[in-house]
Protein backbone atom coordinates (compact mmCIF):
# COMPACT_ATOMS: atom_id res chain seq x y z
CA MET A 1 -5.12 -7.67 -29.31
CA ASN A 2 -4.78 -4.24 -27.64
CA ARG A 3 -7.36 -1.66 -28.46
CA SER A 4 -8.08 1.99 -27.73
CA TRP A 5 -11.19 2.82 -25.77
CA LYS A 6 -14.14 3.79 -27.96
CA ARG A 7 -15.44 6.90 -26.22
CA ARG A 8 -18.42 7.28 -28.55
CA ASP A 9 -19.53 3.82 -27.45
CA VAL A 10 -19.13 4.93 -23.84
CA LEU A 11 -21.35 7.92 -24.49
CA ARG A 12 -23.98 5.80 -26.22
CA ALA A 13 -24.02 3.51 -23.21
CA GLY A 14 -24.98 6.46 -21.05
CA LEU A 15 -21.91 6.31 -18.82
CA TRP A 16 -21.33 10.04 -19.23
CA ALA A 17 -24.33 10.63 -16.99
CA ILE A 18 -23.07 8.48 -14.10
CA PRO A 19 -22.06 10.70 -11.15
CA ALA A 20 -18.38 10.71 -10.23
CA PHE A 21 -19.19 9.34 -6.82
CA ALA A 22 -21.13 6.37 -8.19
CA LEU A 23 -18.84 3.57 -7.06
CA GLY A 24 -15.88 5.17 -8.77
CA GLN A 25 -16.99 3.86 -12.16
CA ALA A 26 -16.76 7.08 -14.10
CA LEU A 27 -15.12 10.45 -13.96
CA THR A 28 -17.07 13.66 -14.05
CA PRO A 29 -16.15 15.29 -17.37
CA SER A 30 -13.72 18.14 -16.82
CA THR A 31 -13.09 21.07 -19.09
CA ALA A 32 -9.61 21.18 -20.51
CA SER A 33 -7.51 23.48 -18.37
CA ALA A 34 -3.96 23.88 -17.17
CA ALA A 35 -2.88 21.24 -14.72
CA THR A 36 -3.52 22.13 -11.11
CA GLY A 37 -0.44 23.07 -9.10
CA SER A 38 3.06 24.02 -10.15
CA VAL A 39 5.11 20.95 -10.89
CA PRO A 40 8.81 21.54 -11.49
CA GLY A 41 9.89 19.97 -14.75
CA ALA A 42 6.37 19.06 -15.79
CA VAL A 43 5.35 19.28 -19.42
CA ALA A 44 3.11 22.29 -20.04
CA CYS A 45 0.00 20.68 -21.46
CA GLU A 46 -3.65 20.34 -20.67
CA VAL A 47 -5.28 17.73 -18.50
CA PRO A 48 -7.49 15.11 -20.16
CA GLY A 49 -10.91 16.56 -20.84
CA GLU A 50 -12.82 13.35 -21.48
CA PRO A 51 -13.97 10.84 -18.87
CA VAL A 52 -12.06 7.68 -18.17
CA VAL A 53 -14.04 4.67 -17.10
CA VAL A 54 -12.52 2.76 -14.22
CA PRO A 55 -12.76 -0.92 -15.10
CA ALA A 56 -14.43 -2.08 -11.89
CA THR A 57 -16.72 -0.82 -9.16
CA GLY A 58 -15.37 0.70 -6.00
CA ILE A 59 -12.57 3.13 -5.26
CA PHE A 60 -8.87 2.46 -4.85
CA GLY A 61 -7.77 2.79 -1.23
CA PRO A 62 -9.42 2.58 2.18
CA THR A 63 -13.20 2.42 2.51
CA GLY A 64 -13.76 0.79 5.89
CA GLY A 65 -14.97 -2.27 3.99
CA HIS A 66 -11.89 -4.50 4.41
CA TRP A 67 -10.92 -6.44 7.52
CA PRO A 68 -8.03 -8.82 8.23
CA SER A 69 -8.78 -12.52 8.00
CA ARG A 70 -9.30 -14.70 11.07
CA THR A 71 -9.63 -11.56 13.14
CA PRO A 72 -12.64 -10.95 15.39
CA HIS A 73 -14.72 -7.91 14.54
CA LEU A 74 -15.29 -5.29 17.18
CA THR A 75 -18.96 -6.21 17.32
CA ASP A 76 -18.15 -9.84 18.16
CA ALA A 77 -18.62 -11.33 21.59
CA PHE A 78 -15.11 -11.68 23.01
CA ASP A 79 -14.12 -14.41 25.40
CA LEU A 80 -11.56 -12.12 27.00
CA GLU A 81 -11.05 -8.34 26.86
CA ILE A 82 -8.19 -6.64 28.66
CA GLU A 83 -7.43 -2.91 28.81
CA VAL A 84 -3.80 -1.78 28.83
CA ASP A 85 -1.81 1.43 28.62
CA PRO A 86 0.06 2.21 25.36
CA ASN A 87 3.19 0.33 26.34
CA TRP A 88 4.60 -2.39 24.09
CA TRP A 89 6.09 -4.43 26.91
CA THR A 90 2.75 -4.44 28.71
CA ILE A 91 0.96 -5.52 25.54
CA GLN A 92 3.39 -8.37 24.93
CA ASN A 93 3.02 -9.69 28.48
CA THR A 94 -0.75 -9.27 28.36
CA ILE A 95 -1.00 -11.32 25.15
CA ALA A 96 1.02 -14.11 26.76
CA GLN A 97 -1.24 -14.13 29.82
CA ALA A 98 -4.38 -14.00 27.71
CA LEU A 99 -3.30 -17.01 25.65
CA THR A 100 -3.01 -19.12 28.78
CA GLN A 101 -6.53 -18.10 29.83
CA GLN A 102 -8.11 -18.43 26.39
CA PRO A 103 -5.99 -20.75 24.24
CA GLN A 104 -8.67 -20.81 21.50
CA GLY A 105 -11.10 -18.02 22.33
CA LYS A 106 -11.57 -14.51 20.93
CA ILE A 107 -9.19 -12.11 22.65
CA LYS A 108 -9.16 -8.31 22.49
CA ILE A 109 -6.34 -6.20 23.91
CA ALA A 110 -7.80 -2.67 24.16
CA VAL A 111 -5.18 0.07 24.35
CA ARG A 112 -6.08 3.20 26.30
CA PRO A 113 -5.47 6.62 24.67
CA GLY A 114 -1.90 7.85 24.71
CA VAL A 115 1.45 7.76 22.95
CA PHE A 116 3.76 4.78 22.52
CA ASP A 117 7.35 5.45 23.54
CA PHE A 118 10.13 5.29 20.98
CA GLY A 119 10.78 1.90 19.44
CA TYR A 120 14.13 0.20 18.94
CA GLY A 121 14.37 0.89 15.24
CA ALA A 122 12.87 -0.45 12.01
CA GLY A 123 16.05 -1.88 10.54
CA SER A 124 16.89 -5.42 9.50
CA THR A 125 18.46 -6.40 12.85
CA ASP A 126 16.58 -4.21 15.31
CA HIS A 127 14.80 -5.66 18.33
CA GLY A 128 11.02 -5.74 18.07
CA VAL A 129 8.56 -3.76 20.14
CA LEU A 130 6.67 -7.05 19.99
CA GLN A 131 9.07 -9.96 19.64
CA GLY A 132 8.58 -13.71 19.79
CA VAL A 133 4.82 -13.51 20.37
CA ASN A 134 3.47 -16.91 19.36
CA ALA A 135 -0.29 -17.14 18.95
CA SER A 136 -0.14 -19.52 15.98
CA GLY A 137 -2.46 -22.43 15.42
CA ARG A 138 -5.52 -20.68 16.84
CA GLN A 139 -8.86 -20.20 15.10
CA TRP A 140 -8.72 -16.48 15.81
CA ARG A 141 -5.89 -14.02 15.75
CA VAL A 142 -5.42 -11.92 18.87
CA LEU A 143 -6.83 -8.44 18.23
CA VAL A 144 -4.82 -5.45 19.50
CA VAL A 145 -6.82 -2.26 19.01
CA PRO A 146 -7.21 1.25 20.50
CA ARG A 147 -9.98 1.28 23.05
CA ASP A 148 -11.32 4.64 21.85
CA GLY A 149 -10.74 4.48 18.10
CA TRP A 150 -8.23 5.52 15.46
CA GLY A 151 -6.22 8.61 16.32
CA THR A 152 -6.34 8.03 20.08
CA VAL A 153 -3.10 6.00 20.21
CA THR A 154 -0.12 7.44 18.37
CA ALA A 155 3.62 6.94 17.86
CA SER A 156 6.65 8.79 19.12
CA GLY A 157 9.34 9.97 16.75
CA THR A 158 9.60 10.96 13.11
CA ILE A 159 10.61 9.38 9.83
CA ALA A 160 14.05 10.89 10.34
CA GLN A 161 14.35 8.75 13.50
CA ALA A 162 13.07 5.55 11.88
CA ALA A 163 16.48 3.89 11.74
CA SER A 164 16.87 4.03 15.51
CA ARG A 165 13.38 4.55 16.92
CA GLY A 166 10.92 2.89 14.54
CA TYR A 167 8.61 0.01 15.43
CA SER A 168 9.51 -3.56 14.48
CA PHE A 169 7.31 -6.63 14.91
CA VAL A 170 9.74 -9.55 14.98
CA GLY A 171 8.84 -13.23 15.17
CA VAL A 172 5.17 -12.47 15.79
CA SER A 173 2.42 -14.89 14.77
CA GLY A 174 -1.35 -15.01 15.13
CA VAL A 175 -1.82 -11.30 15.93
CA SER A 176 -3.74 -8.46 14.24
CA VAL A 177 -2.74 -4.90 15.14
CA VAL A 178 -5.62 -2.66 14.08
CA GLY A 179 -6.40 1.04 14.27
CA PHE A 180 -3.19 2.86 15.24
CA ASN A 181 -1.75 6.18 14.13
CA PHE A 182 1.88 5.57 13.15
CA SER A 183 1.79 8.36 10.54
CA ASP A 184 5.17 9.82 11.49
CA GLN A 185 7.08 6.61 12.13
CA ALA A 186 8.33 3.50 10.33
CA VAL A 187 6.96 0.00 10.87
CA LEU A 188 8.78 -3.24 10.00
CA VAL A 189 7.35 -6.78 10.02
CA ARG A 190 10.24 -9.26 10.21
CA ASP A 191 10.49 -13.05 10.47
CA SER A 192 6.77 -13.23 11.27
CA GLN A 193 3.87 -15.43 10.23
CA ASP A 194 0.11 -14.93 10.14
CA PHE A 195 0.32 -11.26 11.14
CA ALA A 196 -1.88 -8.32 10.15
CA LEU A 197 -1.59 -4.55 10.38
CA ALA A 198 -4.90 -2.90 9.54
CA TRP A 199 -6.87 0.35 9.61
CA SER A 200 -3.69 2.22 10.50
CA THR A 201 -1.70 5.18 9.23
CA VAL A 202 2.02 4.62 8.72
CA GLY A 203 5.08 6.65 7.72
CA GLN A 204 7.11 3.83 6.16
CA LEU A 205 6.18 0.16 5.93
CA ASN A 206 8.55 -2.77 5.34
CA VAL A 207 8.62 -6.57 5.40
CA THR A 208 11.81 -8.58 5.92
CA ALA A 209 12.79 -12.25 6.12
CA ASN A 210 16.38 -12.68 7.28
CA GLY A 211 16.14 -14.98 10.33
CA ALA A 212 13.05 -17.00 9.45
CA ASN A 213 10.60 -17.27 6.58
CA THR A 214 7.96 -14.55 6.65
CA THR A 215 4.55 -15.83 5.58
CA GLY A 216 0.88 -14.86 5.63
CA ILE A 217 1.24 -11.09 6.15
CA GLU A 218 -1.76 -8.81 5.63
CA PHE A 219 -1.78 -5.04 5.30
CA VAL A 220 -5.44 -4.04 5.34
CA GLU A 221 -6.36 -0.39 4.76
CA CYS A 222 -2.87 0.73 5.70
CA VAL A 223 -2.56 4.37 4.71
CA LEU A 224 0.67 6.20 3.91
CA ALA A 225 -1.07 9.40 2.91
CA LYS A 226 1.62 12.02 3.49
CA GLN A 227 4.27 12.44 0.85
CA ILE A 228 7.71 12.46 2.42
CA ASP A 229 10.95 14.09 1.37
CA ASP A 230 13.28 11.19 2.01
CA ASP A 231 15.88 9.23 0.07
CA ASN A 232 14.61 5.83 1.27
CA ASP A 233 12.00 3.58 -0.30
CA ARG A 234 8.48 4.24 0.96
CA MET A 235 7.95 0.49 1.31
CA ALA A 236 10.29 -2.49 0.92
CA PHE A 237 10.02 -6.28 0.93
CA ARG A 238 13.51 -7.71 1.50
CA VAL A 239 14.97 -11.20 1.93
CA ALA A 240 18.41 -12.41 3.00
CA ASN A 241 20.28 -15.44 4.39
CA ASN A 242 18.30 -17.98 2.31
CA PHE A 243 14.95 -17.02 3.88
CA SER A 244 11.86 -16.10 1.86
CA ILE A 245 8.75 -13.96 1.95
CA ASP A 246 5.74 -16.02 0.91
CA GLY A 247 2.34 -14.38 0.94
CA VAL A 248 1.88 -10.62 1.46
CA THR A 249 -1.55 -9.17 0.78
CA MET A 250 -2.33 -5.45 0.60
CA ARG A 251 -6.06 -4.67 0.53
CA GLY A 252 -7.54 -1.19 0.47
CA CYS A 253 -4.13 0.43 0.97
CA TYR A 254 -2.97 3.88 -0.10
CA VAL A 255 0.72 4.66 -0.62
CA ALA A 256 1.90 8.21 -1.35
CA PRO A 257 5.35 8.93 -2.80
CA ALA A 258 8.77 9.61 -1.34
CA TYR A 259 10.79 12.27 -3.16
CA LYS A 260 14.57 12.23 -2.84
CA ALA A 261 16.81 15.29 -2.88
CA ALA A 262 17.93 16.69 -6.20
CA GLY A 263 21.31 15.21 -7.11
CA SER A 264 20.88 12.22 -4.80
CA SER A 265 22.10 8.89 -6.17
CA ALA A 266 19.76 6.93 -3.86
CA HIS A 267 17.26 4.51 -5.33
CA CYS A 268 13.91 5.71 -4.02
CA ASP A 269 10.93 3.48 -4.88
CA THR A 270 7.37 3.41 -3.67
CA LEU A 271 7.72 -0.34 -3.09
CA GLN A 272 10.93 -2.27 -3.67
CA ALA A 273 11.16 -6.07 -3.45
CA SER A 274 14.73 -7.34 -3.41
CA ARG A 275 17.22 -9.90 -2.12
CA SER A 276 20.47 -8.88 -0.47
CA SER A 277 22.00 -12.35 0.03
CA GLY A 278 21.33 -16.07 -0.17
CA SER A 279 18.86 -17.92 -2.34
CA GLY A 280 15.51 -16.87 -0.84
CA GLY A 281 12.72 -15.39 -2.93
CA ILE A 282 9.62 -13.26 -2.76
CA ARG A 283 6.40 -14.84 -3.93
CA ASN A 284 2.62 -14.77 -3.76
CA LEU A 285 2.00 -11.04 -3.46
CA ARG A 286 -1.49 -9.63 -3.86
CA PHE A 287 -2.42 -5.96 -4.32
CA GLU A 288 -6.16 -5.43 -4.11
CA ASP A 289 -8.28 -2.26 -4.04
CA SER A 290 -5.08 -0.27 -3.49
CA VAL A 291 -3.33 2.74 -5.04
CA PHE A 292 0.38 3.55 -5.38
CA PHE A 293 1.96 6.84 -6.52
CA GLN A 294 5.42 7.01 -8.09
CA SER A 295 8.33 8.01 -5.90
CA SER A 296 11.57 9.37 -7.36
CA SER A 297 12.45 6.02 -8.95
CA GLN A 298 9.88 3.26 -9.58
CA VAL A 299 6.36 2.56 -8.31
CA LEU A 300 6.84 -1.21 -7.92
CA MET A 301 10.46 -2.31 -8.37
CA MET A 302 10.80 -6.07 -7.95
CA GLU A 303 13.59 -8.63 -8.13
CA GLN A 304 13.55 -12.34 -7.32
CA THR A 305 9.75 -12.13 -7.32
CA ARG A 306 7.07 -14.37 -8.74
CA ASN A 307 3.32 -14.90 -8.53
CA VAL A 308 1.95 -11.38 -8.22
CA THR A 309 -1.74 -10.48 -8.45
CA LEU A 310 -2.96 -6.98 -9.30
CA ALA A 311 -6.66 -6.94 -8.42
CA HIS A 312 -8.56 -3.67 -8.83
CA SER A 313 -5.57 -1.48 -8.01
CA ALA A 314 -4.07 1.68 -9.51
CA PHE A 315 -0.39 2.37 -10.19
CA ILE A 316 0.30 5.99 -11.12
CA GLY A 317 3.69 6.60 -12.71
CA GLY A 318 5.59 9.60 -14.01
CA LEU A 319 4.43 13.08 -13.07
CA ARG A 320 0.78 12.02 -13.34
CA GLY A 321 0.45 11.95 -9.55
CA THR A 322 2.05 15.33 -8.92
CA GLY A 323 -1.30 17.09 -9.14
CA ARG A 324 -1.94 15.65 -5.69
CA TYR A 325 1.68 15.38 -4.55
CA PRO A 326 3.70 18.29 -6.00
CA ILE A 327 7.47 17.98 -6.06
CA GLY A 328 8.94 20.59 -3.75
CA SER A 329 11.94 22.82 -4.20
CA GLY A 330 15.24 21.01 -4.00
CA ARG A 331 13.72 17.61 -4.81
CA HIS A 332 14.54 15.34 -7.73
CA VAL A 333 12.12 15.65 -10.65
CA MET A 334 11.39 12.34 -12.38
CA THR A 335 12.05 12.15 -16.09
CA GLY A 336 10.90 8.53 -16.38
CA GLN A 337 7.59 6.82 -15.75
CA ASN A 338 8.76 3.58 -14.25
CA THR A 339 5.54 2.12 -12.96
CA LEU A 340 6.12 -1.64 -12.92
CA TRP A 341 9.80 -2.51 -13.22
CA GLY A 342 11.79 -5.74 -13.25
CA LYS A 343 15.13 -6.72 -14.71
CA THR A 344 15.01 -8.24 -18.16
CA THR A 345 17.29 -10.97 -16.76
CA ASP A 346 15.17 -11.42 -13.62
CA GLN A 347 11.59 -10.84 -14.66
CA VAL A 348 8.63 -10.75 -12.31
CA THR A 349 6.79 -13.89 -13.41
CA GLY A 350 3.35 -15.34 -12.87
CA VAL A 351 1.61 -11.94 -12.87
CA ASN A 352 -2.19 -11.80 -13.08
CA ALA A 353 -3.96 -8.46 -13.51
CA ALA A 354 -7.67 -7.72 -13.34
CA ASP A 355 -9.78 -4.57 -13.05
CA SER A 356 -6.71 -2.37 -12.62
CA PHE A 357 -5.23 0.89 -13.94
CA ILE A 358 -1.54 1.17 -14.87
CA ALA A 359 -0.34 4.62 -15.91
CA GLY A 360 3.27 4.50 -17.04
CA SER A 361 5.78 2.02 -18.36
CA VAL A 362 5.92 -1.73 -17.70
CA GLN A 363 9.28 -3.48 -18.01
CA GLY A 364 10.39 -6.94 -16.99
CA TRP A 365 6.95 -8.16 -15.88
CA SER A 366 5.59 -11.34 -17.43
CA PHE A 367 1.78 -11.52 -17.38
CA SER A 368 0.05 -14.88 -17.21
CA SER A 369 -3.41 -13.32 -17.53
CA VAL A 370 -5.00 -9.92 -17.97
CA ALA A 371 -8.66 -8.97 -17.71
CA ASN A 372 -10.41 -5.59 -17.78
CA THR A 373 -7.19 -3.67 -17.08
CA VAL A 374 -6.29 -0.27 -18.52
CA VAL A 375 -2.75 0.84 -19.40
CA SER A 376 -1.61 4.20 -20.69
CA HIS A 377 0.51 2.86 -23.57
CA ASN A 378 2.71 0.06 -24.97
CA PRO A 379 1.59 -2.85 -22.77
CA PRO A 380 3.41 -6.18 -22.83
CA ALA A 381 1.66 -9.18 -24.32
CA ALA A 382 -0.07 -11.51 -21.87
CA ALA A 383 -0.31 -15.29 -22.12
CA SER A 384 -4.08 -14.96 -21.70
CA GLY A 385 -6.22 -11.88 -22.30
CA SER A 386 -5.03 -8.39 -23.23
CA PHE A 387 -4.79 -4.87 -21.86
CA THR A 388 -7.02 -1.97 -22.83
CA VAL A 389 -4.94 1.00 -23.98
CA ASP A 390 -6.10 4.54 -23.24
CA ALA A 391 -3.63 6.85 -24.94
CA THR A 392 -5.16 9.85 -23.17
CA TYR A 393 -2.93 8.98 -20.25
CA ALA A 394 0.25 8.32 -22.23
CA PRO A 395 1.93 11.74 -21.60
CA GLN A 396 3.96 11.15 -18.47
CA GLY A 397 4.22 14.85 -17.62
CA THR A 398 0.47 15.46 -17.46
CA PRO A 399 -0.96 15.26 -13.93
CA LEU A 400 -4.25 13.46 -13.60
CA PRO A 401 -7.16 15.85 -13.11
CA THR A 402 -8.53 16.38 -9.63
CA SER A 403 -11.80 14.80 -10.74
CA TRP A 404 -9.95 11.52 -11.28
CA TYR A 405 -8.84 11.50 -7.67
CA SER A 406 -12.28 12.47 -6.39
CA ALA A 407 -13.90 9.63 -8.26
CA ASN A 408 -11.29 6.95 -7.81
CA CYS A 409 -9.14 7.56 -4.74
CA PRO A 410 -10.41 10.25 -2.35
CA MET A 411 -7.70 11.75 -0.17
CA PRO A 412 -7.57 9.69 3.04
CA ASP A 413 -7.14 12.65 5.35
CA ALA A 414 -7.98 12.55 9.06
CA ALA A 415 -11.61 13.53 8.53
CA ARG A 416 -12.22 10.80 5.96
CA LEU A 417 -10.45 8.14 8.01
CA ALA A 418 -12.38 9.07 11.13
CA SER A 419 -15.57 8.58 9.12
CA ILE A 420 -14.80 5.31 7.33
CA TRP A 421 -13.10 3.83 10.41
CA ALA A 422 -15.81 4.96 12.80
CA ALA A 423 -16.50 1.33 13.76
CA LEU A 424 -13.29 1.45 15.82
C-alpha cells in the first residue's frame, strides 16, 4: 500500500545531519524561497523546504565508477597497442589488422589528439564511420580510446548538421569506444551487437535495428549535458523491417532535455522507443545510476517495449527540471508532466523498479516489482512491492531546488568530467 514519507521519523533517525555530499543520501535542508531562474509558464510557488531522502547510496549520473563489460581497463597490460590519427577509416583498418595479429588478446587503439572529420549522417540508412567491423566471439572487446584523455579528440559539425554529418556505427561488434567528445554531434548505433560507447559526451544518441537485430549495447557514463533547442528526440531506440533491439544498458548516464519551438507539432521526447514497420520489438532495457530530464513531450516514451529495469535512476518530469535547464524565449512550455509514458493499448510490460526517483506522471507502464522507489504522486499498482509517495514533489510547475541537484546529480560540466574521468 502506498504511503507518504514520515519526515518526523527521518529526523529522529538523524538523517537531517547527513551532509548533502554524503553519497547523495540526503539533501541539505533549504529555506523556502522563490524558485531559482525565470521559467516561462511556471507556477509561482516556493521550492520544497524539507529534505528528501534519496532511496539508495550514490548519485545519479557519471562518477568515473562505471566501465563497459568485457573491456580492458587502461591500467591493464595490453597485448597490442597502436596509435592512430583521428580518422575513422584509419581506425577501421587498424582494428582489422590488429585482429589478425591478436585474435584473442587485449587490443588498444589509441587516438592522437585532433578532430574527426564530418561523418556521413546519423539517420536510419546512413553509412557508418565504422561499418562492418566484426570483433565478435572474443574474450575482450577492442578498446578505442583517446591517447591523451577525454577532451583531446572531438567531433566536427553541430546538432543542426546531424542528419547529414553525424556519426553512425553500423554493423559493429566486439568494440568499445571510450572517452570521446561528441558534445555537438549526433551518434547512432545501428544493426550492431556487443558494442559500447562510454565515458563520452554526446549531442544526440540513438539506437536502430532495421537491417539486423541490435543486441548487447552499452552506454556507460554517456553524458548529454547541454540542453538543446531542437524539435527532435534527444535519444531514440527504433526498430523496423521485422528486426528487434534486445538488450540496451545505460549506466551512469546523464541526459538533458531538448526543447522544441513554440507552436511546433513535433513530438520531442528525451528518449523515445518505437517501431516504424514490421513486427520487431524492443526488449531488455536497463537504466542504472542515470538521470533523465523532461524534454518538450515525454521523458521516456515507449511503444512495443517490454522488460525494462529502472535501477537507482531519476526521471524528472514537468517543469521540475527547469531550475537547471530554463526554457528559453520562443520555446514550447510544457503543461504536462509525462515522465513514463506508454499507450494504454500497448503498455510497457515487465517493468522492475528499485532505488529510483520518479517525479511526474506514469501512464501505460505495468510494474512487475517495485522496491525502495519514490514517486511524486498517483503511482500505479505493482504486482510485487509498492511505491513510496512524496507529495512534496507533486506540483509539476515547481523546479527542484539547487540543493537537490548538488546532492543527487552534480552538473557534469567539463571540469567535473575531467576530474572523474582522469583515468583516461
